Amino acid sequence: MFKKIFKVKYLNMKKFILLSIFIFSLILLDSPYSLSALSKSYDGTHTFYCSENFFCNDAQTTKNGNGYLICVNTKKAEKLKEQLKNNCQGESFCFAGDYQDLKSILKKLNAQTIKEEVFDDFCVIYGFSPKLKNYIYIDNQKVNVQIALNKNKITVGSPLILGSF
């Protein structure tokens, strides 16, 4: 009798653990992606657009209208994003790159191109990525990533690039 009760409890515990692992995996796979996680692969500058000032030794903060631009090296962006929590309304990063890098970023974000503008020296792509959380509407379509290639400089912003490119 004791062996039977132990065996039932053991099987229930095993099912609980497997179910917990499955649910945790779903949460990880469905969690929103962050540009700061992507930018650490590139050597450049990452900018956060925040409503409140935030002091950080490694960052440069500039007042910009009603908010603040907080700039940091891309290698330190993910750690800063964790510290900013929900104070961040948008973010962008820039680095030296070419058209292949632009296409690679679109692929990593699994982004669909919504609109593409080509000018003399640069092009701008507006897209939507299911991996990014915030979005805006442009021409009645969701947009949550903007990528600009200006000569040999790439700027990626979400939901848009709020600074210059």
C-alpha atoms as a PDB file:
ATOM      1  CA  MET A   1       0.000   0.000   0.000  1.00  0.00           C
ATOM      2  CA  PHE A   2       2.801   2.436   0.891  1.00  0.00           C
ATOM      3  CA  LYS A   3       4.602   1.673  -2.393  1.00  0.00           C
ATOM      4  CA  LYS A   4       1.408   2.374  -4.352  1.00  0.00           C
ATOM      5  CA  ILE A   5       0.849   5.776  -2.659  1.00  0.00           C
ATOM      6  CA  PHE A   6       4.515   6.703  -3.145  1.00  0.00           C
ATOM      7  CA  LYS A   7       4.341   5.712  -6.833  1.00  0.00           C
ATOM      8  CA  VAL A   8       1.209   7.867  -7.414  1.00  0.00           C
ATOM      9  CA  LYS A   9       2.778  10.883  -5.665  1.00  0.00           C
ATOM     10  CA  TYR A  10       6.001  10.380  -7.629  1.00  0.00           C
ATOM     11  CA  LEU A  11       4.130  10.310 -10.954  1.00  0.00           C
ATOM     12  CA  ASN A  12       2.109  13.413 -10.027  1.00  0.00           C
ATOM     13  CA  MET A  13       5.280  15.267  -9.051  1.00  0.00           C
ATOM     14  CA  LYS A  14       6.953  14.218 -12.303  1.00  0.00           C
ATOM     15  CA  LYS A  15       3.964  15.513 -14.319  1.00  0.00           C
ATOM     16  CA  PHE A  16       4.020  18.781 -12.368  1.00  0.00           C
ATOM     17  CA  ILE A  17       7.726  19.306 -13.049  1.00  0.00           C
ATOM     18  CA  LEU A  18       7.340  18.562 -16.768  1.00  0.00           C
ATOM     19  CA  LEU A  19       4.343  20.898 -17.025  1.00  0.00           C
ATOM     20  CA  SER A  20       6.277  23.639 -15.203  1.00  0.00           C
ATOM     21  CA  ILE A  21       9.232  23.289 -17.582  1.00  0.00           C
ATOM     22  CA  PHE A  22       6.889  23.442 -20.580  1.00  0.00           C
ATOM     23  CA  ILE A  23       5.131  26.595 -19.329  1.00  0.00           C
ATOM     24  CA  PHE A  24       8.444  28.271 -18.488  1.00  0.00           C
ATOM     25  CA  SER A  25       9.725  27.478 -22.007  1.00  0.00           C
ATOM     26  CA  LEU A  26       6.638  29.064 -23.559  1.00  0.00           C
ATOM     27  CA  ILE A  27       7.126  32.199 -21.499  1.00  0.00           C
ATOM     28  CA  LEU A  28      10.757  32.488 -22.596  1.00  0.00           C
ATOM     29  CA  LEU A  29       9.938  31.919 -26.259  1.00  0.00           C
ATOM     30  CA  ASP A  30       7.082  34.423 -26.212  1.00  0.00           C
ATOM     31  CA  SER A  31       8.870  37.161 -24.279  1.00  0.00           C
ATOM     32  CA  PRO A  32       9.353  40.432 -26.157  1.00  0.00           C
ATOM     33  CA  TYR A  33      12.703  41.038 -27.775  1.00  0.00           C
ATOM     34  CA  SER A  34      14.742  44.106 -26.968  1.00  0.00           C
ATOM     35  CA  LEU A  35      16.891  46.214 -29.257  1.00  0.00           C
ATOM     36  CA  SER A  36      19.415  46.399 -26.423  1.00  0.00           C
ATOM     37  CA  ALA A  37      19.798  42.613 -26.632  1.00  0.00           C
ATOM     38  CA  LEU A  38      20.372  42.898 -30.385  1.00  0.00           C
ATOM     39  CA  SER A  39      22.698  45.908 -30.231  1.00  0.00           C
ATOM     40  CA  LYS A  40      25.292  44.156 -28.053  1.00  0.00           C
ATOM     41  CA  SER A  41      26.364  42.258 -31.196  1.00  0.00           C
ATOM     42  CA  TYR A  42      27.523  45.547 -32.751  1.00  0.00           C
ATOM     43  CA  ASP A  43      30.092  48.153 -31.751  1.00  0.00           C
ATOM     44  CA  GLY A  44      28.312  51.490 -31.587  1.00  0.00           C
ATOM     45  CA  THR A  45      26.095  53.776 -29.544  1.00  0.00           C
ATOM     46  CA  HIS A  46      22.726  52.904 -28.009  1.00  0.00           C
ATOM     47  CA  THR A  47      20.238  55.657 -27.097  1.00  0.00           C
ATOM     48  CA  PHE A  48      17.215  55.360 -24.818  1.00  0.00           C
ATOM     49  CA  TYR A  49      14.374  57.901 -24.891  1.00  0.00           C
ATOM     50  CA  CYS A  50      13.043  58.388 -21.369  1.00  0.00           C
ATOM     51  CA  SER A  51      10.486  60.621 -19.689  1.00  0.00           C
ATOM     52  CA  GLU A  52      12.611  60.989 -16.541  1.00  0.00           C
ATOM     53  CA  ASN A  53      16.272  61.738 -16.014  1.00  0.00           C
ATOM     54  CA  PHE A  54      18.444  58.784 -15.054  1.00  0.00           C
ATOM     55  CA  PHE A  55      22.005  58.964 -13.781  1.00  0.00           C
ATOM     56  CA  CYS A  56      24.510  56.335 -14.813  1.00  0.00           C
ATOM     57  CA  ASN A  57      28.305  56.635 -14.719  1.00  0.00           C
ATOM     58  CA  ASP A  58      28.727  54.970 -18.115  1.00  0.00           C
ATOM     59  CA  ALA A  59      26.027  57.002 -19.896  1.00  0.00           C
ATOM     60  CA  GLN A  60      25.691  60.495 -21.295  1.00  0.00           C
ATOM     61  CA  THR A  61      22.310  62.142 -20.571  1.00  0.00           C
ATOM     62  CA  THR A  62      20.874  65.040 -22.586  1.00  0.00           C
ATOM     63  CA  LYS A  63      17.609  66.922 -22.043  1.00  0.00           C
ATOM     64  CA  ASN A  64      15.513  66.724 -25.223  1.00  0.00           C
ATOM     65  CA  GLY A  65      12.139  68.488 -25.176  1.00  0.00           C
ATOM     66  CA  ASN A  66       9.987  66.812 -22.526  1.00  0.00           C
ATOM     67  CA  GLY A  67      12.313  63.846 -22.155  1.00  0.00           C
ATOM     68  CA  TYR A  68      15.901  62.709 -21.931  1.00  0.00           C
ATOM     69  CA  LEU A  69      18.279  60.947 -24.287  1.00  0.00           C
ATOM     70  CA  ILE A  70      20.502  58.502 -22.457  1.00  0.00           C
ATOM     71  CA  CYS A  71      23.424  57.281 -24.595  1.00  0.00           C
ATOM     72  CA  VAL A  72      25.692  54.371 -23.804  1.00  0.00           C
ATOM     73  CA  ASN A  73      28.020  51.987 -25.651  1.00  0.00           C
ATOM     74  CA  THR A  74      26.058  49.114 -27.218  1.00  0.00           C
ATOM     75  CA  LYS A  75      27.934  46.585 -25.064  1.00  0.00           C
ATOM     76  CA  LYS A  76      26.388  48.133 -21.919  1.00  0.00           C
ATOM     77  CA  ALA A  77      22.893  48.817 -23.276  1.00  0.00           C
ATOM     78  CA  GLU A  78      21.165  45.664 -22.050  1.00  0.00           C
ATOM     79  CA  LYS A  79      22.256  46.250 -18.448  1.00  0.00           C
ATOM     80  CA  LEU A  80      21.115  49.897 -18.601  1.00  0.00           C
ATOM     81  CA  LYS A  81      17.740  48.865 -20.087  1.00  0.00           C
ATOM     82  CA  GLU A  82      17.153  46.635 -17.027  1.00  0.00           C
ATOM     83  CA  GLN A  83      17.850  49.596 -14.755  1.00  0.00           C
ATOM     84  CA  LEU A  84      15.521  51.895 -16.698  1.00  0.00           C
ATOM     85  CA  LYS A  85      12.629  49.403 -16.380  1.00  0.00           C
ATOM     86  CA  ASN A  86       9.443  51.030 -17.738  1.00  0.00           C
ATOM     87  CA  ASN A  87      10.937  54.531 -17.989  1.00  0.00           C
ATOM     88  CA  CYS A  88      11.964  53.911 -21.616  1.00  0.00           C
ATOM     89  CA  GLN A  89       9.566  54.993 -24.405  1.00  0.00           C
ATOM     90  CA  GLY A  90      11.879  54.139 -27.285  1.00  0.00           C
ATOM     91  CA  GLU A  91      15.399  53.158 -28.135  1.00  0.00           C
ATOM     92  CA  SER A  92      17.815  53.175 -31.035  1.00  0.00           C
ATOM     93  CA  PHE A  93      21.360  52.180 -31.786  1.00  0.00           C
ATOM     94  CA  CYS A  94      23.813  53.025 -34.541  1.00  0.00           C
ATOM     95  CA  PHE A  95      26.971  51.419 -35.847  1.00  0.00           C
ATOM     96  CA  ALA A  96      29.128  51.243 -38.950  1.00  0.00           C
ATOM     97  CA  GLY A  97      27.545  48.842 -41.427  1.00  0.00           C
ATOM     98  CA  ASP A  98      26.224  48.189 -44.913  1.00  0.00           C
ATOM     99  CA  TYR A  99      23.083  46.962 -46.681  1.00  0.00           C
ATOM    100  CA  GLN A 100      23.857  43.325 -45.754  1.00  0.00           C
ATOM    101  CA  ASP A 101      23.905  44.306 -42.066  1.00  0.00           C
ATOM    102  CA  LEU A 102      20.541  46.044 -42.520  1.00  0.00           C
ATOM    103  CA  LYS A 103      19.035  42.897 -44.071  1.00  0.00           C
ATOM    104  CA  SER A 104      20.594  40.764 -41.307  1.00  0.00           C
ATOM    105  CA  ILE A 105      18.893  42.868 -38.614  1.00  0.00           C
ATOM    106  CA  LEU A 106      15.528  42.554 -40.371  1.00  0.00           C
ATOM    107  CA  LYS A 107      16.040  38.787 -40.460  1.00  0.00           C
ATOM    108  CA  LYS A 108      17.054  38.576 -36.768  1.00  0.00           C
ATOM    109  CA  LEU A 109      13.932  40.538 -35.827  1.00  0.00           C
ATOM    110  CA  ASN A 110      11.781  38.461 -38.191  1.00  0.00           C
ATOM    111  CA  ALA A 111      10.515  41.844 -39.406  1.00  0.00           C
ATOM    112  CA  GLN A 112       8.170  42.389 -42.311  1.00  0.00           C
ATOM    113  CA  THR A 113       8.996  45.472 -44.398  1.00  0.00           C
ATOM    114  CA  ILE A 114       6.024  47.860 -44.390  1.00  0.00           C
ATOM    115  CA  LYS A 115       7.558  50.742 -46.324  1.00  0.00           C
ATOM    116  CA  GLU A 116      10.932  51.517 -47.894  1.00  0.00           C
ATOM    117  CA  GLU A 117      12.200  54.953 -48.897  1.00  0.00           C
ATOM    118  CA  VAL A 118      15.343  55.379 -50.982  1.00  0.00           C
ATOM    119  CA  PHE A 119      17.059  58.741 -51.357  1.00  0.00           C
ATOM    120  CA  ASP A 120      20.378  59.749 -52.946  1.00  0.00           C
ATOM    121  CA  ASP A 121      22.745  58.651 -50.188  1.00  0.00           C
ATOM    122  CA  PHE A 122      20.511  56.657 -47.848  1.00  0.00           C
ATOM    123  CA  CYS A 123      17.507  54.407 -47.443  1.00  0.00           C
ATOM    124  CA  VAL A 124      14.968  54.044 -44.652  1.00  0.00           C
ATOM    125  CA  ILE A 125      12.935  50.916 -43.926  1.00  0.00           C
ATOM    126  CA  TYR A 126       9.837  50.824 -41.736  1.00  0.00           C
ATOM    127  CA  GLY A 127       8.881  47.376 -40.492  1.00  0.00           C
ATOM    128  CA  PHE A 128       6.921  45.317 -38.047  1.00  0.00           C
ATOM    129  CA  SER A 129       8.495  42.618 -35.891  1.00  0.00           C
ATOM    130  CA  PRO A 130       6.487  40.219 -33.746  1.00  0.00           C
ATOM    131  CA  LYS A 131       9.542  40.146 -31.462  1.00  0.00           C
ATOM    132  CA  LEU A 132       9.230  43.823 -30.458  1.00  0.00           C
ATOM    133  CA  LYS A 133       6.582  44.991 -28.017  1.00  0.00           C
ATOM    134  CA  ASN A 134       5.651  48.627 -28.723  1.00  0.00           C
ATOM    135  CA  TYR A 135       4.319  49.855 -32.045  1.00  0.00           C
ATOM    136  CA  ILE A 136       2.737  52.851 -33.742  1.00  0.00           C
ATOM    137  CA  TYR A 137       0.535  53.127 -36.823  1.00  0.00           C
ATOM    138  CA  ILE A 138       1.805  54.538 -40.113  1.00  0.00           C
ATOM    139  CA  ASP A 139      -0.629  54.505 -43.038  1.00  0.00           C
ATOM    140  CA  ASN A 140      -2.943  52.256 -40.977  1.00  0.00           C
ATOM    141  CA  GLN A 141      -0.224  49.630 -40.516  1.00  0.00           C
ATOM    142  CA  LYS A 142       1.642  48.644 -37.355  1.00  0.00           C
ATOM    143  CA  VAL A 143       5.286  49.750 -37.319  1.00  0.00           C
ATOM    144  CA  ASN A 144       7.704  48.974 -34.507  1.00  0.00           C
ATOM    145  CA  VAL A 145      11.118  49.151 -36.143  1.00  0.00           C
ATOM    146  CA  GLN A 146      12.763  51.728 -38.378  1.00  0.00           C
ATOM    147  CA  ILE A 147      16.169  51.134 -39.921  1.00  0.00           C
ATOM    148  CA  ALA A 148      18.177  53.762 -41.775  1.00  0.00           C
ATOM    149  CA  LEU A 149      21.323  53.216 -43.829  1.00  0.00           C
ATOM    150  CA  ASN A 150      23.180  56.480 -44.440  1.00  0.00           C
ATOM    151  CA  LYS A 151      26.382  55.815 -46.390  1.00  0.00           C
ATOM    152  CA  ASN A 152      28.174  53.398 -44.020  1.00  0.00           C
ATOM    153  CA  LYS A 153      26.137  54.103 -40.852  1.00  0.00           C
ATOM    154  CA  ILE A 154      23.129  52.060 -39.772  1.00  0.00           C
ATOM    155  CA  THR A 155      20.633  53.347 -37.221  1.00  0.00           C
ATOM    156  CA  VAL A 156      17.933  51.037 -35.833  1.00  0.00           C
ATOM    157  CA  GLY A 157      15.062  52.419 -33.760  1.00  0.00           C
ATOM    158  CA  SER A 158      11.989  51.066 -32.029  1.00  0.00           C
ATOM    159  CA  PRO A 159       9.264  51.993 -32.483  1.00  0.00           C
ATOM    160  CA  LEU A 160      10.980  54.708 -34.585  1.00  0.00           C
ATOM    161  CA  ILE A 161      14.330  56.449 -34.712  1.00  0.00           C
ATOM    162  CA  LEU A 162      13.719  59.526 -32.582  1.00  0.00           C
ATOM    163  CA  GLY A 163      17.095  61.130 -33.153  1.00  0.00           C
ATOM    164  CA  SER A 164      18.987  61.885 -36.323  1.00  0.00           C
ATOM    165  CA  PHE A 165      20.245  59.305 -38.768  1.00  0.00           C
END
